[in-house]
Amino acid sequence: MNINKNEAPYILIIKEIGWKKDLIKDEKARLFSSKEFSPLSGSELEYNPEKWNKILKIKNAHNCYSYALGKIVPSLKSKAQPGYASGFKHISRNNFECHEFYKRLKKDVPATYLENFDNACVPGFYKIFLALDPMNDYHWWQQNSNKFWSHKPGSTSVVDVDASGKKIKNPLLSDRKFKTRNYYKPCFFACINSDLSRSLDKIYNDRINK
C-alpha cells in the first residue's frame, strides 16, 4: 500500500497480492514478532469498554466482529457476521478458513489490507487480529490507542485480558484457550478503517457512535 502525500487527506493505492504470497500463507512473516507492542498509526480507537457494556441492548446485539470494526449500531438486532453486509450467505463451519474470512472482511471493508505485527498501519487505519477455533468458532481482537489489545466475546463484556486474565500485548502470543472455545489457529493481522466501508453503511444506516 502506498500513500500519495500530495493529496488530501491521502489516496490509498492498494495492490492485491495472491494468496500464495500474502501474509496468511507466509507463515514466517505472519508469526514473526520482534517487538513487545505493535507500533501505532495514531488512529487506534480508545479502550472504552463502558461504551459497549453499559447498555444491555448494545451489549447483547454486538459481538467480536462489530467490536473489531468499531461499529455500534443502536438498531442492530442480530450479531454482525463477516460478509453478511456484502451479500455473502451464512458461512459453513466446514468453511472456517482464514482466507474465507479475509475475503469476507475485504468485501465488508474494501480498504482493508494485511499487515504483520511489527509494522504500523497507515494513518487512518488500526490493526485487528483473527484466530479460529476450527469447525467451531472464530474471534477478532482490536488494538487500542494504549497499545494493548481488547475484544468482545459474543454478547459478553468488552475486556482487555486473555483467557489467563493477563492484559493483551500481542493476541498471537496471548492465551486464547477459553472455557468453551480454543482459538488455537491464528489467521492474520489486518489494518482497517471501518469508516471507509461502503457495504456496512448500506445495511446499517445509523451513524457510528464515537
Protein backbone atom coordinates (compact mmCIF):
# COMPACT_ATOMS: atom_id res chain seq x y z
CA MET A 1 0.00 0.00 0.00
CA ASN A 2 1.34 3.42 -0.95
CA ILE A 3 0.25 6.87 0.16
CA ASN A 4 0.19 9.81 -2.21
CA LYS A 5 1.20 12.60 0.15
CA ASN A 6 0.31 15.29 -2.34
CA GLU A 7 -3.39 14.58 -1.98
CA ALA A 8 -5.62 15.48 0.97
CA PRO A 9 -6.23 13.62 3.10
CA TYR A 10 -4.49 10.90 1.07
CA ILE A 11 -5.12 8.45 -1.72
CA LEU A 12 -4.88 4.75 -0.98
CA ILE A 13 -3.34 2.62 -3.69
CA ILE A 14 -3.93 -1.00 -2.74
CA LYS A 15 -2.13 -3.74 -4.58
CA GLU A 16 -3.78 -7.11 -4.33
CA ILE A 17 -1.43 -9.98 -3.55
CA GLY A 18 -2.05 -13.60 -4.46
CA TRP A 19 -2.84 -15.96 -1.60
CA LYS A 20 0.38 -17.89 -2.11
CA LYS A 21 2.44 -14.78 -1.37
CA ASP A 22 0.36 -12.90 1.18
CA LEU A 23 0.74 -12.87 4.95
CA ILE A 24 -1.79 -15.62 5.54
CA LYS A 25 0.24 -18.12 3.55
CA ASP A 26 3.62 -16.72 4.58
CA GLU A 27 3.99 -18.46 7.93
CA LYS A 28 7.28 -16.80 8.87
CA ALA A 29 6.02 -13.28 8.21
CA ARG A 30 2.70 -13.91 9.91
CA LEU A 31 4.12 -15.41 13.09
CA PHE A 32 7.32 -13.41 13.42
CA SER A 33 7.37 -10.69 16.06
CA SER A 34 10.41 -8.83 17.34
CA LYS A 35 8.53 -6.15 19.29
CA GLU A 36 6.65 -6.22 22.57
CA PHE A 37 3.90 -4.00 21.20
CA SER A 38 2.70 -3.46 17.67
CA PRO A 39 3.52 0.14 16.64
CA LEU A 40 0.58 2.55 16.42
CA SER A 41 -0.64 4.53 13.44
CA GLY A 42 -2.20 7.20 15.66
CA SER A 43 -5.72 6.25 14.52
CA GLU A 44 -6.39 3.47 17.02
CA LEU A 45 -9.64 3.62 18.98
CA GLU A 46 -9.61 4.39 22.69
CA TYR A 47 -10.23 1.47 25.01
CA ASN A 48 -13.69 2.33 26.33
CA PRO A 49 -15.48 -0.84 27.48
CA GLU A 50 -18.34 1.06 29.15
CA LYS A 51 -19.45 2.30 25.74
CA TRP A 52 -20.16 -1.32 24.74
CA ASN A 53 -21.06 -2.86 28.10
CA LYS A 54 -23.30 -0.32 29.86
CA ILE A 55 -26.42 -0.56 27.66
CA LEU A 56 -27.71 -4.15 27.68
CA LYS A 57 -29.28 -3.91 24.22
CA ILE A 58 -25.96 -2.88 22.67
CA LYS A 59 -24.01 -5.44 24.67
CA ASN A 60 -26.29 -8.30 23.61
CA ALA A 61 -26.52 -7.38 19.91
CA HIS A 62 -22.84 -6.68 19.27
CA ASN A 63 -20.11 -9.29 19.03
CA CYS A 64 -16.38 -9.54 18.38
CA TYR A 65 -16.77 -8.57 14.71
CA SER A 66 -18.77 -5.43 15.44
CA TYR A 67 -16.22 -4.54 18.09
CA ALA A 68 -13.24 -5.12 15.82
CA LEU A 69 -14.82 -2.79 13.25
CA GLY A 70 -15.61 -0.18 15.90
CA LYS A 71 -19.27 -0.24 14.88
CA ILE A 72 -22.04 0.44 17.38
CA VAL A 73 -25.40 0.26 15.65
CA PRO A 74 -28.26 1.00 18.09
CA SER A 75 -30.87 -0.63 15.83
CA LEU A 76 -28.88 -3.84 15.34
CA LYS A 77 -30.95 -6.85 16.38
CA SER A 78 -28.75 -9.77 15.34
CA LYS A 79 -25.00 -10.07 15.61
CA ALA A 80 -22.94 -8.94 12.63
CA GLN A 81 -21.11 -11.70 10.76
CA PRO A 82 -18.25 -11.31 8.27
CA GLY A 83 -19.62 -10.87 4.76
CA TYR A 84 -23.31 -10.54 5.62
CA ALA A 85 -23.30 -6.81 4.86
CA SER A 86 -21.79 -7.59 1.45
CA GLY A 87 -24.34 -10.19 0.44
CA PHE A 88 -22.49 -13.35 1.50
CA LYS A 89 -24.58 -16.18 2.85
CA HIS A 90 -24.06 -17.98 6.14
CA ILE A 91 -20.54 -19.36 6.46
CA SER A 92 -20.45 -23.12 6.96
CA ARG A 93 -18.27 -24.47 9.74
CA ASN A 94 -16.64 -26.64 7.11
CA ASN A 95 -15.53 -23.40 5.51
CA PHE A 96 -13.92 -21.88 8.60
CA GLU A 97 -10.67 -20.99 6.85
CA CYS A 98 -8.51 -17.89 7.22
CA HIS A 99 -8.72 -16.97 3.54
CA GLU A 100 -12.53 -17.21 3.60
CA PHE A 101 -12.78 -14.76 6.49
CA TYR A 102 -10.35 -12.37 4.86
CA LYS A 103 -12.37 -12.45 1.64
CA ARG A 104 -15.49 -11.51 3.58
CA LEU A 105 -13.73 -8.83 5.61
CA LYS A 106 -12.32 -7.33 2.41
CA LYS A 107 -15.81 -7.09 0.93
CA ASP A 108 -17.26 -5.52 4.07
CA VAL A 109 -14.40 -3.03 4.41
CA PRO A 110 -12.79 -2.74 0.96
CA ALA A 111 -9.79 -0.67 2.10
CA THR A 112 -8.64 -3.46 4.42
CA TYR A 113 -5.15 -4.82 3.88
CA LEU A 114 -2.98 -7.42 5.58
CA GLU A 115 -0.07 -6.42 7.78
CA ASN A 116 2.26 -8.07 10.26
CA PHE A 117 2.57 -7.31 13.96
CA ASP A 118 5.83 -5.37 13.71
CA ASN A 119 4.53 -2.81 11.20
CA ALA A 120 2.24 0.12 11.92
CA CYS A 121 -0.87 0.66 9.83
CA VAL A 122 -1.02 3.73 7.59
CA PRO A 123 -2.62 6.86 9.12
CA GLY A 124 -6.37 6.48 9.43
CA PHE A 125 -6.16 2.72 9.96
CA TYR A 126 -5.81 0.48 13.01
CA LYS A 127 -4.95 -3.17 13.48
CA ILE A 128 -7.21 -6.16 14.12
CA PHE A 129 -6.42 -9.84 14.56
CA LEU A 130 -8.33 -13.04 13.74
CA ALA A 131 -7.96 -16.54 15.15
CA LEU A 132 -10.10 -19.65 14.71
CA ASP A 133 -11.42 -22.49 16.76
CA PRO A 134 -11.72 -24.63 13.60
CA MET A 135 -15.14 -26.16 12.89
CA ASN A 136 -16.47 -24.31 15.93
CA ASP A 137 -15.96 -20.54 16.11
CA TYR A 138 -13.88 -17.51 15.12
CA HIS A 139 -12.78 -14.48 17.13
CA TRP A 140 -11.49 -10.95 16.43
CA TRP A 141 -9.29 -8.64 18.52
CA GLN A 142 -8.68 -4.90 18.15
CA GLN A 143 -5.60 -2.87 19.06
CA ASN A 144 -6.33 0.26 21.08
CA SER A 145 -4.62 3.62 21.45
CA ASN A 146 -2.90 2.45 24.67
CA LYS A 147 -1.04 -0.21 22.59
CA PHE A 148 -2.88 -3.09 24.30
CA TRP A 149 -5.50 -5.27 22.61
CA SER A 150 -9.12 -5.85 23.56
CA HIS A 151 -12.03 -7.97 22.39
CA LYS A 152 -15.72 -8.70 22.91
CA PRO A 153 -16.60 -12.40 23.17
CA GLY A 154 -20.11 -12.71 21.76
CA SER A 155 -22.74 -10.97 23.92
CA THR A 156 -20.38 -10.67 26.88
CA SER A 157 -18.43 -7.65 28.01
CA VAL A 158 -15.54 -5.96 26.23
CA VAL A 159 -12.29 -6.85 28.01
CA ASP A 160 -8.56 -6.31 27.50
CA VAL A 161 -7.36 -9.57 29.04
CA ASP A 162 -6.79 -13.06 27.64
CA ALA A 163 -8.02 -16.45 28.86
CA SER A 164 -5.49 -16.30 31.71
CA GLY A 165 -6.60 -12.85 32.82
CA LYS A 166 -3.47 -11.12 31.51
CA LYS A 167 -3.55 -7.85 29.59
CA ILE A 168 -3.01 -8.49 25.91
CA LYS A 169 0.19 -7.12 24.39
CA ASN A 170 0.05 -9.40 21.36
CA PRO A 171 -3.05 -11.54 20.69
CA LEU A 172 -0.95 -14.02 18.73
CA LEU A 173 1.09 -14.78 21.84
CA SER A 174 -1.79 -14.48 24.30
CA ASP A 175 -3.73 -17.33 25.91
CA ARG A 176 -6.65 -17.96 23.55
CA LYS A 177 -7.89 -21.14 25.22
CA PHE A 178 -11.10 -20.06 26.93
CA LYS A 179 -13.54 -22.26 28.88
CA THR A 180 -15.72 -23.14 25.89
CA ARG A 181 -13.55 -22.04 22.96
CA ASN A 182 -9.94 -22.59 21.96
CA TYR A 183 -8.86 -20.21 19.20
CA TYR A 184 -5.63 -22.06 18.60
CA LYS A 185 -5.37 -21.34 14.87
CA PRO A 186 -4.05 -17.82 14.18
CA CYS A 187 -5.04 -16.28 10.86
CA PHE A 188 -3.77 -12.76 10.27
CA PHE A 189 -3.30 -9.19 11.37
CA ALA A 190 -5.11 -6.68 9.18
CA CYS A 191 -5.37 -2.90 9.03
CA ILE A 192 -8.84 -1.42 8.68
CA ASN A 193 -10.66 1.88 8.54
CA SER A 194 -14.30 0.95 9.02
CA ASP A 195 -15.44 4.46 8.09
CA LEU A 196 -14.33 3.67 4.53
CA SER A 197 -16.73 0.76 4.36
CA ARG A 198 -19.44 1.19 1.75
CA SER A 199 -21.15 -2.13 2.30
CA LEU A 200 -21.73 -1.76 6.04
CA ASP A 201 -23.21 1.69 5.59
CA LYS A 202 -25.75 0.30 3.13
CA ILE A 203 -27.00 -2.18 5.69
CA TYR A 204 -26.58 -0.16 8.86
CA ASN A 205 -27.97 3.32 8.35
CA ASP A 206 -27.36 4.51 11.90
CA ARG A 207 -24.41 6.75 12.48
CA ILE A 208 -21.46 5.22 14.32
CA ASN A 209 -21.27 6.26 17.95
CA LYS A 210 -17.99 7.98 18.64
